[in-house]
Protein backbone atom coordinates (compact mmCIF):
# COMPACT_ATOMS: atom_id res chain seq x y z
CA MET A 1 8.48 18.70 2.82
CA ASN A 2 5.71 17.68 4.22
CA ILE A 3 2.44 19.55 3.05
CA PHE A 4 -0.85 19.99 5.04
CA LYS A 5 -3.29 19.67 2.18
CA MET A 6 -7.05 21.41 3.38
CA ARG A 7 -10.42 21.76 2.72
CA THR A 8 -12.55 24.43 3.84
CA ASN A 9 -13.98 21.95 6.52
CA LEU A 10 -11.12 20.63 7.41
CA LEU A 11 -9.61 22.17 10.78
CA VAL A 12 -5.74 21.85 10.99
CA ALA A 13 -4.45 23.04 14.30
CA SER A 14 -0.81 23.05 13.11
CA ALA A 15 1.77 22.05 10.41
CA PHE A 16 5.35 22.06 10.00
CA CYS A 17 7.78 21.44 6.92
CA LEU A 18 10.07 18.99 6.13
CA ILE A 19 12.87 18.30 3.42
CA SER A 20 13.94 14.81 2.65
CA PHE A 21 17.01 13.63 0.90
CA TRP A 22 15.86 10.78 -1.64
CA ALA A 23 18.36 7.73 -1.92
CA LYS A 24 17.83 4.18 -3.63
CA ALA A 25 19.05 2.41 -0.50
CA GLN A 26 16.81 0.69 1.92
CA SER A 27 17.91 -0.47 5.60
CA PHE A 28 15.82 -2.79 7.38
CA GLU A 29 15.92 -3.75 11.12
CA GLN A 30 16.05 -7.22 12.11
CA ALA A 31 12.79 -8.56 12.12
CA GLN A 32 10.76 -8.34 15.29
CA GLY A 33 7.28 -10.33 16.04
CA ASN A 34 4.27 -8.53 16.95
CA PRO A 35 5.39 -4.58 17.10
CA PHE A 36 3.27 -1.92 18.79
CA GLY A 37 1.46 -4.06 21.31
CA LEU A 38 -0.14 -5.95 18.48
CA ASN A 39 -2.06 -8.98 20.10
CA PHE A 40 -4.17 -11.51 18.51
CA ASP A 41 -4.56 -13.96 21.63
CA ASN A 42 -8.39 -13.75 21.31
CA LEU A 43 -8.18 -14.57 18.22
CA VAL A 44 -7.43 -17.71 15.97
CA LEU A 45 -5.29 -16.26 13.00
CA GLU A 46 -3.71 -18.87 10.31
CA TYR A 47 -3.06 -17.78 6.99
CA HIS A 48 -3.55 -14.03 7.44
CA PHE A 49 -2.91 -10.89 5.50
CA ALA A 50 -2.97 -7.44 6.67
CA SER A 51 -3.80 -3.95 4.95
CA PHE A 52 -3.57 -0.54 6.23
CA ALA A 53 -5.42 2.88 5.90
CA ASP A 54 -6.25 5.87 8.11
CA LEU A 55 -9.90 4.47 8.65
CA ASP A 56 -10.92 7.14 11.39
CA ASP A 57 -8.79 10.14 9.50
CA ASP A 58 -6.68 10.80 12.71
CA GLY A 59 -3.53 10.79 10.83
CA ASP A 60 -2.38 7.51 11.78
CA GLN A 61 -2.50 4.30 10.08
CA ASP A 62 -5.17 1.32 11.28
CA MET A 63 -4.78 -2.25 10.67
CA LEU A 64 -7.28 -4.47 8.62
CA VAL A 65 -6.59 -8.24 9.00
CA SER A 66 -8.14 -11.18 7.02
CA ASP A 67 -7.77 -14.57 8.26
CA PHE A 68 -8.29 -18.49 7.19
CA ASP A 69 -11.98 -18.54 7.91
CA GLY A 70 -12.89 -15.84 6.56
CA PHE A 71 -13.55 -13.01 9.07
CA PHE A 72 -12.17 -9.75 8.98
CA TYR A 73 -10.55 -7.68 12.21
CA TYR A 74 -10.23 -4.14 12.64
CA VAL A 75 -6.91 -3.31 14.60
CA GLU A 76 -7.09 0.56 15.46
CA ASN A 77 -4.28 1.89 15.88
CA THR A 78 -4.70 4.16 19.24
CA GLY A 79 -1.20 5.94 19.37
CA THR A 80 -0.23 8.39 16.72
CA ALA A 81 1.75 8.62 13.31
CA THR A 82 5.19 8.62 14.76
CA ALA A 83 4.51 6.66 17.97
CA PRO A 84 1.82 3.55 16.71
CA ALA A 85 0.06 1.43 19.17
CA PHE A 86 -2.49 -1.13 17.99
CA SER A 87 -5.96 -1.85 20.06
CA THR A 88 -6.93 -5.84 20.20
CA GLY A 89 -8.71 -6.68 16.88
CA VAL A 90 -12.46 -6.39 16.53
CA GLN A 91 -14.06 -9.10 14.19
CA ASN A 92 -15.94 -7.93 11.27
CA PRO A 93 -16.30 -4.12 11.95
CA PHE A 94 -18.31 -1.43 10.05
CA GLY A 95 -20.43 -3.97 8.68
CA ILE A 96 -17.83 -6.09 6.82
CA SER A 97 -19.30 -9.34 6.22
CA ARG A 98 -17.63 -13.11 6.13
CA VAL A 99 -17.08 -14.72 2.69
CA ASP A 100 -18.74 -18.36 3.13
CA TYR A 101 -18.01 -20.96 0.69
CA PRO A 102 -20.19 -23.98 2.14
CA ASP A 103 -18.51 -26.78 -0.14
CA CYS A 104 -14.89 -25.77 0.92
CA SER A 105 -12.75 -26.20 4.19
CA CYS A 106 -11.49 -23.06 4.08
CA ASN A 107 -12.40 -19.19 3.53
CA THR A 108 -8.79 -17.33 3.62
CA MET A 109 -9.36 -13.96 2.13
CA VAL A 110 -6.71 -12.25 0.94
CA HIS A 111 -7.48 -8.32 0.70
CA ARG A 112 -6.37 -4.65 -0.41
CA PHE A 113 -7.65 -0.99 0.45
CA ALA A 114 -8.11 0.92 -2.44
CA ASP A 115 -10.42 3.66 -3.64
CA MET A 116 -12.30 2.21 -6.55
CA ASP A 117 -14.80 4.92 -7.18
CA ASN A 118 -12.62 8.13 -6.59
CA ASP A 119 -15.08 9.36 -3.62
CA GLY A 120 -12.01 9.81 -0.68
CA ASP A 121 -12.90 6.61 1.15
CA MET A 122 -11.11 3.37 1.16
CA ASP A 123 -13.27 0.52 -0.59
CA ILE A 124 -12.00 -3.37 0.00
CA ILE A 125 -11.15 -5.63 -2.71
CA ALA A 126 -10.44 -9.07 -1.72
CA ILE A 127 -10.51 -12.80 -3.36
CA ALA A 128 -11.04 -16.17 -1.95
CA TRP A 129 -8.26 -18.75 -2.25
CA TYR A 130 -10.45 -21.41 -3.03
CA GLY A 131 -13.35 -19.71 -4.34
CA ALA A 132 -11.38 -17.96 -7.24
CA GLU A 133 -13.51 -15.18 -7.34
CA TYR A 134 -12.72 -11.42 -7.17
CA LEU A 135 -15.12 -9.74 -4.77
CA TYR A 136 -16.11 -6.04 -3.82
CA ALA A 137 -17.28 -4.16 -0.64
CA GLU A 138 -17.85 -0.76 -1.48
CA ASN A 139 -17.44 1.92 1.39
CA THR A 140 -20.53 3.73 1.48
CA GLY A 141 -19.88 5.88 4.77
CA THR A 142 -17.51 8.49 4.92
CA SER A 143 -13.31 8.99 5.25
CA THR A 144 -13.61 9.14 9.22
CA SER A 145 -17.01 6.71 9.77
CA PRO A 146 -16.31 3.82 7.51
CA GLN A 147 -19.29 1.72 6.35
CA TYR A 148 -19.24 -1.79 4.09
CA GLU A 149 -21.54 -2.77 1.76
CA ALA A 150 -21.78 -7.03 2.03
CA PHE A 151 -18.51 -8.38 -0.89
CA SER A 152 -20.50 -8.80 -4.15
CA ASP A 153 -18.68 -10.95 -6.68
CA SER A 154 -21.50 -9.66 -9.35
CA VAL A 155 -20.24 -6.06 -9.83
CA ASP A 156 -20.27 -4.63 -13.31
CA TRP A 157 -16.81 -3.49 -13.83
CA MET A 158 -15.26 -6.36 -11.84
CA PRO A 159 -12.78 -9.10 -13.90
CA ALA A 160 -14.49 -12.75 -14.30
CA SER A 161 -13.66 -14.99 -11.91
CA PHE A 162 -10.99 -17.85 -12.91
CA THR A 163 -10.29 -21.75 -12.62
CA TYR A 164 -6.82 -22.15 -12.93
CA GLY A 165 -4.67 -22.30 -9.70
CA ALA A 166 -5.57 -21.99 -5.99
CA TYR A 167 -4.28 -19.62 -3.60
CA PRO A 168 -4.39 -16.32 -5.34
CA GLY A 169 -2.79 -13.28 -4.16
CA ILE A 170 -3.90 -10.03 -5.45
CA ASP A 171 -2.60 -6.20 -5.85
CA LEU A 172 -3.83 -2.72 -6.93
CA VAL A 173 -1.87 -0.33 -8.36
CA ASP A 174 -1.57 1.99 -11.51
CA ILE A 175 1.10 0.65 -13.20
CA ASP A 176 1.17 2.63 -16.28
CA ALA A 177 0.53 6.04 -14.68
CA ASP A 178 -2.97 6.91 -16.34
CA GLY A 179 -4.93 7.68 -13.40
CA ASP A 180 -6.73 4.78 -12.71
CA LEU A 181 -5.91 1.20 -10.53
CA ASP A 182 -4.78 -2.14 -12.41
CA LEU A 183 -5.03 -5.15 -10.90
CA PHE A 184 -2.32 -8.12 -10.56
CA SER A 185 -3.55 -11.21 -9.27
CA CYS A 186 -1.15 -14.29 -8.88
CA GLN A 187 -2.13 -18.00 -9.39
CA ASP A 188 0.35 -20.94 -8.39
CA ASP A 189 3.65 -19.38 -10.06
CA ARG A 190 2.10 -17.27 -12.66
CA LEU A 191 1.65 -13.34 -12.41
CA ASN A 192 -1.38 -12.09 -14.38
CA LEU A 193 -2.44 -8.28 -14.96
CA ILE A 194 -5.90 -7.12 -15.31
CA ARG A 195 -5.53 -3.81 -17.18
CA ASN A 196 -8.08 -0.99 -15.91
CA GLU A 197 -9.88 0.33 -19.16
CA GLY A 198 -11.76 2.95 -17.46
CA THR A 199 -11.28 5.95 -15.37
CA ALA A 200 -10.62 6.50 -11.49
CA SER A 201 -14.11 6.92 -10.92
CA GLU A 202 -15.68 4.74 -13.31
CA PRO A 203 -13.04 1.59 -13.21
CA SER A 204 -13.25 -1.47 -16.19
CA PHE A 205 -11.60 -4.68 -16.01
CA SER A 206 -12.93 -6.21 -19.12
CA SER A 207 -9.47 -7.15 -20.88
CA GLY A 208 -9.04 -10.50 -19.35
CA HIS A 209 -5.79 -11.91 -17.54
CA GLN A 210 -2.80 -10.85 -19.26
CA ALA A 211 -0.36 -14.12 -17.95
CA ASP A 212 3.62 -12.79 -17.27
CA PRO A 213 3.19 -9.21 -17.61
CA TYR A 214 6.10 -7.23 -18.77
CA GLY A 215 8.37 -10.46 -18.66
CA ILE A 216 7.75 -11.15 -15.41
CA GLU A 217 8.31 -15.14 -14.67
CA LEU A 218 7.63 -15.66 -10.95
CA SER A 219 9.76 -18.70 -9.36
CA GLY A 220 7.60 -20.67 -6.57
CA LYS A 221 3.72 -21.43 -5.58
CA ASN A 222 1.34 -19.65 -4.07
CA LEU A 223 2.66 -16.18 -4.00
CA PHE A 224 1.75 -12.75 -3.04
CA PRO A 225 2.63 -9.83 -5.66
CA THR A 226 3.12 -6.22 -3.87
CA PHE A 227 3.86 -3.21 -5.45
CA VAL A 228 5.74 -0.59 -3.96
CA ASP A 229 8.04 2.28 -5.37
CA ILE A 230 10.70 1.00 -2.46
CA ASP A 231 13.85 2.87 -4.50
CA GLU A 232 11.87 6.44 -5.10
CA ASP A 233 12.55 6.84 -8.65
CA GLY A 234 8.58 7.44 -9.55
CA ASP A 235 7.78 3.64 -10.58
CA TYR A 236 6.70 0.59 -9.03
CA ASP A 237 8.72 -2.33 -7.97
CA LEU A 238 7.43 -6.16 -7.05
CA PHE A 239 7.64 -7.85 -4.22
CA VAL A 240 6.76 -11.57 -3.83
CA GLY A 241 7.34 -14.03 -1.23
CA GLY A 242 8.59 -17.31 -2.29
CA ASN A 243 7.49 -21.10 -2.51
CA SER A 244 5.29 -20.63 0.83
CA ILE A 245 5.79 -24.34 1.86
CA LEU A 246 9.41 -24.54 2.04
CA LYS A 247 9.39 -21.08 3.58
CA GLU A 248 12.27 -19.89 0.81
CA ASP A 249 13.56 -16.37 -0.07
CA PHE A 250 11.53 -13.25 -0.55
CA GLN A 251 11.63 -12.02 -4.18
CA PHE A 252 12.52 -8.73 -5.64
CA TYR A 253 11.95 -7.04 -9.08
CA GLU A 254 12.84 -3.74 -9.80
CA ASN A 255 11.36 -1.73 -12.30
CA THR A 256 14.29 0.04 -14.22
CA GLY A 257 11.62 1.75 -16.68
CA THR A 258 9.30 4.54 -15.93
CA ALA A 259 6.03 5.16 -14.52
CA THR A 260 4.48 5.11 -17.71
CA ASN A 261 6.39 2.20 -19.32
CA PRO A 262 7.68 0.00 -16.70
CA VAL A 263 10.63 -2.39 -17.58
CA PHE A 264 11.45 -5.20 -14.72
CA GLU A 265 14.86 -6.57 -14.09
CA ALA A 266 15.49 -10.29 -13.03
CA VAL A 267 14.58 -11.35 -9.80
CA VAL A 268 16.62 -10.41 -6.72
CA GLU A 269 16.34 -12.95 -3.61
CA ASN A 270 16.25 -11.27 -0.07
CA PRO A 271 16.75 -7.64 -1.38
CA PHE A 272 18.18 -5.06 1.44
CA ASP A 273 19.07 -7.97 3.53
CA LEU A 274 15.18 -8.79 4.26
CA GLU A 275 15.01 -12.74 5.24
CA ASN A 276 12.21 -15.24 5.25
CA SER A 277 12.98 -17.88 7.90
CA GLU A 278 9.66 -18.31 9.71
CA ILE A 279 6.76 -17.86 7.42
CA ASP A 280 4.48 -20.12 5.25
CA PHE A 281 2.37 -18.34 2.19
CA PRO A 282 4.33 -14.74 3.51
CA SER A 283 2.10 -11.76 2.31
CA PHE A 284 3.73 -8.12 2.53
CA SER A 285 2.20 -4.85 3.66
CA PHE A 286 4.14 -1.73 3.11
CA VAL A 287 3.50 1.09 5.13
CA ASP A 288 4.83 4.34 6.85
CA ILE A 289 4.24 3.02 10.14
CA ASP A 290 6.25 5.69 12.01
CA ASN A 291 5.63 9.06 9.37
CA ASP A 292 9.68 9.11 8.95
CA THR A 293 8.87 8.87 5.07
CA ASP A 294 10.17 5.57 4.23
CA MET A 295 7.84 2.25 3.71
CA ASP A 296 8.43 -0.15 6.64
CA LEU A 297 6.95 -3.53 6.12
CA PHE A 298 4.81 -6.07 7.55
CA VAL A 299 4.65 -9.88 6.81
CA GLY A 300 1.75 -12.10 7.53
CA GLY A 301 0.89 -15.78 6.25
CA LYS A 302 1.30 -18.69 8.81
CA LEU A 303 3.49 -17.95 11.45
CA ASP A 304 3.74 -19.40 15.13
CA ASP A 305 0.72 -19.69 17.17
CA ASP A 306 1.95 -16.70 19.31
CA MET A 307 2.97 -14.47 16.13
CA ALA A 308 0.50 -12.74 14.17
CA PHE A 309 3.04 -10.75 12.23
CA THR A 310 6.94 -10.17 11.49
CA PHE A 311 7.98 -6.50 11.52
CA TYR A 312 10.66 -5.06 9.46
CA ARG A 313 11.63 -1.41 10.23
CA ASN A 314 13.07 0.62 7.64
CA THR A 315 15.56 2.72 9.34
CA TYR A 316 16.90 4.77 5.97
CA ARG A 317 15.54 8.07 6.77
CA THR A 318 15.71 7.86 10.74
CA THR A 319 19.02 10.66 10.24
CA SER A 320 18.03 11.82 6.49
CA VAL A 321 15.71 14.61 7.33
CA VAL A 322 16.32 18.04 8.40
CA GLU A 323 13.99 20.95 9.18
CA LEU A 324 13.04 23.18 5.85
CA GLU A 325 13.94 26.06 7.96
CA THR A 326 17.72 25.83 7.60
CA SER A 327 17.89 25.14 4.06
CA ASP A 328 17.60 27.38 0.93
CA VAL A 329 14.13 26.14 -0.14
CA TYR A 330 10.97 27.19 1.07
CA LEU A 331 7.30 26.18 0.75
CA TYR A 332 4.39 28.20 1.40
CA PRO A 333 1.75 28.78 2.23
CA ASN A 334 1.45 25.54 4.68
CA PRO A 335 -1.23 24.57 4.72
CA THR A 336 -3.10 24.97 1.85
CA SER A 337 -5.89 24.03 -0.28
CA ASP A 338 -5.12 24.95 -4.20
CA TYR A 339 -1.34 26.46 -4.69
CA VAL A 340 1.70 25.61 -2.92
CA TYR A 341 5.01 27.68 -3.66
CA ILE A 342 8.23 26.38 -3.96
CA GLU A 343 11.22 28.64 -3.66
CA SER A 344 14.70 28.58 -4.13
CA ASN A 345 17.58 30.95 -3.93
CA SER A 346 19.81 31.27 -6.96
CA LEU A 347 22.66 29.18 -5.34
CA SER A 348 19.98 26.05 -5.12
CA MET A 349 18.87 25.22 -8.33
CA ILE A 350 15.67 22.63 -7.75
CA LYS A 351 16.13 19.48 -10.28
CA SER A 352 12.61 17.79 -10.17
CA ILE A 353 9.74 17.73 -7.81
CA LYS A 354 7.82 14.72 -6.60
CA VAL A 355 5.18 14.39 -4.52
CA PHE A 356 4.16 11.24 -2.09
CA ASP A 357 1.35 10.60 -0.09
CA MET A 358 1.32 9.17 3.38
CA LEU A 359 1.82 5.40 1.82
CA GLY A 360 4.49 6.24 -0.25
CA SER A 361 2.64 6.83 -3.63
CA LEU A 362 3.46 9.04 -6.10
CA GLN A 363 1.10 11.56 -6.87
CA TYR A 364 2.95 14.24 -8.97
CA TYR A 365 6.22 14.59 -10.83
CA SER A 366 7.96 17.03 -12.67
CA GLU A 367 11.59 17.77 -13.97
CA VAL A 368 12.71 21.51 -13.44
CA ASN A 369 15.35 23.85 -13.20
CA ILE A 370 14.66 26.44 -10.95
CA GLY A 371 16.31 29.33 -9.20
CA GLY A 372 13.39 30.94 -7.98
CA THR A 373 9.64 30.50 -7.43
CA TYR A 374 7.75 27.30 -8.82
CA SER A 375 3.97 27.01 -8.43
CA LEU A 376 2.22 23.53 -7.79
CA ASP A 377 -1.60 23.33 -8.37
CA ILE A 378 -2.68 20.90 -5.75
CA SER A 379 -6.22 21.61 -5.65
CA GLN A 380 -7.13 18.39 -7.39
CA PHE A 381 -5.39 16.62 -4.36
CA LYS A 382 -7.66 15.15 -2.09
CA SER A 383 -7.23 16.26 1.91
CA GLY A 384 -4.42 14.43 3.67
CA TYR A 385 -0.46 14.97 4.27
CA TYR A 386 1.71 14.77 1.30
CA PHE A 387 5.63 14.93 1.23
CA VAL A 388 7.32 17.17 -1.61
């Protein structure tokens, strides 16, 4: 079901309902280069990385790219949520600053979007490959008009910089389901967890780097950790890129535990028939780019001169969605801002309810046994689209 969540100052023109059938199996198409009109001919990109967010609040996913020289590029999605089309990249938009390390031959930045102060817009956390420092740029604008402060390495809540291992990668995810974002980093073949001991609006990363968390022992060097609930079981799984220089296999660590107690299985190479044959320093960016409720994959890194990103479309949900009106489950009102009611007739027992945001992040989970009506309080959810 697709919920349009609204506040009094947000106008929604139309709404529709879908019910999806969730399963672990994923199916990716063969890789294609520079999809949806991506064109970086006017830019010099090497060792680059992408993050996605709806920066202009128009319902589709835009792209922010960081590169070898410490620059950032905004690539607007001028299409729609279901038919993306990307414009030409604009260098250092929204006041985003270049980070310069004068004693280093490169300033490659790896970054992630994250709402670190829980104010409803996307901030940026980055790390410089050679500087080995965490950097933060706060979004002081709005969800429709971003404006970023200069990158800083002296924010009170940020973890201390480190001196071991070059070429770090980072990701932020609520790995223990306590409502705040934890920070993972990779240096050489080592995965580190820096747990958030604060809150969603007031983070604190003071506990230091915990090496090899949850028994995860990586293989290879110069790795990028990426967490995503790829099998939609309510916890986060881990992807890493494999040895960057040798263009080795993609690696996957399935989380078979729970949202509050992660347990990671042994590494699986080339999961879901994904393969790496062309990319050095592969970095993962998962996003539902075509709005079909499964997670597609963009892979950056160092590619051929005429290719910026390799794209793997997830086709699992292409034929697995039916209109809610044809089922025995009903959701109303839609849109809404406080409660949504999920109703099942006596022949259709609902066993569990999960709510995902547009990036596939689990926002709510409850095991139920309902043959009637369930009242779901969404008053604390941010405005946006949600899948139930």
